[in-house]
Amino acid sequence: MDRRRWLGPDDLVGGSLDEVFAGVRRAVPGLIVERLRVTHPGDDDNVYFLGDERGPVRVQVDTFPDGEPPFVIEARDRVETSDVAAAIAVICAWLGCIGARPGPPDSTRRPPG
């Protein structure tokens, strides 16, 4: 069963996450964004899967309701940040965008798991 739904460039989730997606889309024109589809209205659906032509699920982003920070970004590592620019930089770096900064300062990095 497919538990995700695709979000196009015109689909807004609200909050600062829209700015993050817009910034990443500038660097990754073929960005794929999917949102977790839940079965119960009370379940947390603030989980997004980002990818590109190399694969649809390469980075996961979790947020507070309505796309509000903090952003918990996971792929090869786990980073938590409330800063839009830092979130864009981390996602772009993990998607392999040219010229992306490596991410926020080490103080915001968290161990996986």
Protein backbone atom coordinates (compact mmCIF):
# COMPACT_ATOMS: atom_id res chain seq x y z
CA MET A 1 0.00 0.00 0.00
CA ASP A 2 1.37 3.42 -0.96
CA ARG A 3 1.46 5.50 2.22
CA ARG A 4 2.76 8.68 0.56
CA ARG A 5 1.28 11.42 -1.55
CA TRP A 6 3.28 13.52 -4.00
CA LEU A 7 3.46 17.30 -3.55
CA GLY A 8 4.06 19.52 -6.57
CA PRO A 9 5.67 22.98 -6.59
CA ASP A 10 2.26 24.64 -6.15
CA ASP A 11 1.25 22.49 -3.14
CA LEU A 12 1.85 24.42 0.06
CA VAL A 13 1.99 22.77 3.46
CA GLY A 14 2.15 25.99 5.46
CA GLY A 15 4.80 27.37 7.73
CA SER A 16 8.49 27.71 7.10
CA LEU A 17 8.67 24.32 5.39
CA ASP A 18 7.31 25.93 2.22
CA GLU A 19 10.39 28.18 2.18
CA VAL A 20 12.62 25.13 2.63
CA PHE A 21 10.99 23.29 -0.27
CA ALA A 22 11.19 26.40 -2.49
CA GLY A 23 14.89 26.82 -1.72
CA VAL A 24 15.67 23.18 -2.43
CA ARG A 25 13.63 23.28 -5.65
CA ARG A 26 15.81 26.18 -6.89
CA ALA A 27 18.85 23.90 -6.55
CA VAL A 28 17.09 20.67 -7.58
CA PRO A 29 14.57 21.44 -10.35
CA GLY A 30 13.41 17.79 -10.48
CA LEU A 31 12.82 17.57 -6.73
CA ILE A 32 10.35 14.90 -5.66
CA VAL A 33 8.42 15.63 -2.45
CA GLU A 34 6.08 13.10 -0.92
CA ARG A 35 4.13 13.41 2.31
CA LEU A 36 3.32 10.52 4.60
CA ARG A 37 -0.30 9.49 4.20
CA VAL A 38 -1.78 8.33 7.50
CA THR A 39 -4.82 6.15 8.12
CA HIS A 40 -6.10 7.89 11.26
CA PRO A 41 -6.74 11.67 11.45
CA GLY A 42 -4.92 11.87 14.80
CA ASP A 43 -1.70 10.36 13.42
CA ASP A 44 1.28 12.59 12.67
CA ASP A 45 1.50 13.26 8.92
CA ASN A 46 4.23 15.92 9.18
CA VAL A 47 6.77 13.59 7.58
CA TYR A 48 8.10 14.33 4.10
CA PHE A 49 10.30 12.28 1.79
CA LEU A 50 12.53 14.13 -0.68
CA GLY A 51 14.36 12.77 -3.67
CA ASP A 52 15.36 13.41 -7.25
CA GLU A 53 16.06 11.51 -10.45
CA ARG A 54 18.43 9.21 -8.54
CA GLY A 55 15.67 8.03 -6.23
CA PRO A 56 12.38 9.19 -4.75
CA VAL A 57 13.28 8.77 -1.06
CA ARG A 58 16.75 10.07 -0.27
CA VAL A 59 16.07 12.52 2.59
CA GLN A 60 13.34 12.53 5.25
CA VAL A 61 12.10 15.74 6.91
CA ASP A 62 9.88 15.79 10.00
CA THR A 63 8.27 19.00 11.25
CA PHE A 64 5.85 20.30 13.82
CA PRO A 65 2.25 20.64 12.57
CA ASP A 66 1.68 22.95 9.60
CA GLY A 67 5.30 22.81 8.45
CA GLU A 68 6.65 24.69 11.45
CA PRO A 69 10.18 24.18 12.79
CA PRO A 70 12.14 22.56 14.14
CA PHE A 71 13.01 20.50 11.08
CA VAL A 72 14.43 17.07 11.79
CA ILE A 73 16.31 16.05 8.65
CA GLU A 74 17.50 12.48 8.24
CA ALA A 75 19.45 10.56 5.64
CA ARG A 76 23.04 9.55 6.30
CA ASP A 77 22.94 11.52 9.56
CA ARG A 78 20.35 13.37 11.63
CA VAL A 79 20.21 17.16 11.91
CA GLU A 80 17.70 19.25 13.82
CA THR A 81 17.41 22.95 13.01
CA SER A 82 14.84 25.74 13.10
CA ASP A 83 16.76 27.78 10.53
CA VAL A 84 15.36 27.70 6.98
CA ALA A 85 18.74 28.38 5.33
CA ALA A 86 20.43 25.64 7.35
CA ALA A 87 17.66 23.16 6.44
CA ILE A 88 18.04 24.01 2.75
CA ALA A 89 21.83 23.61 2.98
CA VAL A 90 21.62 20.21 4.68
CA ILE A 91 19.04 18.84 2.24
CA CYS A 92 20.93 20.18 -0.77
CA ALA A 93 24.22 18.74 0.49
CA TRP A 94 22.65 15.34 1.02
CA LEU A 95 21.02 15.43 -2.41
CA GLY A 96 24.40 16.35 -3.91
CA CYS A 97 23.60 19.88 -5.10
CA ILE A 98 26.56 21.85 -6.45
CA GLY A 99 27.74 24.64 -4.14
CA ALA A 100 25.64 23.60 -1.14
CA ARG A 101 27.04 24.29 2.30
CA PRO A 102 27.67 21.13 4.36
CA GLY A 103 25.01 22.01 6.94
CA PRO A 104 24.53 23.84 10.20
CA PRO A 105 27.17 24.01 12.93
CA ASP A 106 28.07 20.71 14.59
CA SER A 107 26.18 21.77 17.73
CA THR A 108 22.89 21.03 15.95
CA ARG A 109 23.91 17.56 14.75
CA ARG A 110 22.37 14.62 16.54
CA PRO A 111 23.45 10.98 16.36
CA PRO A 112 21.27 8.74 14.17
CA GLY A 113 18.46 6.80 15.78
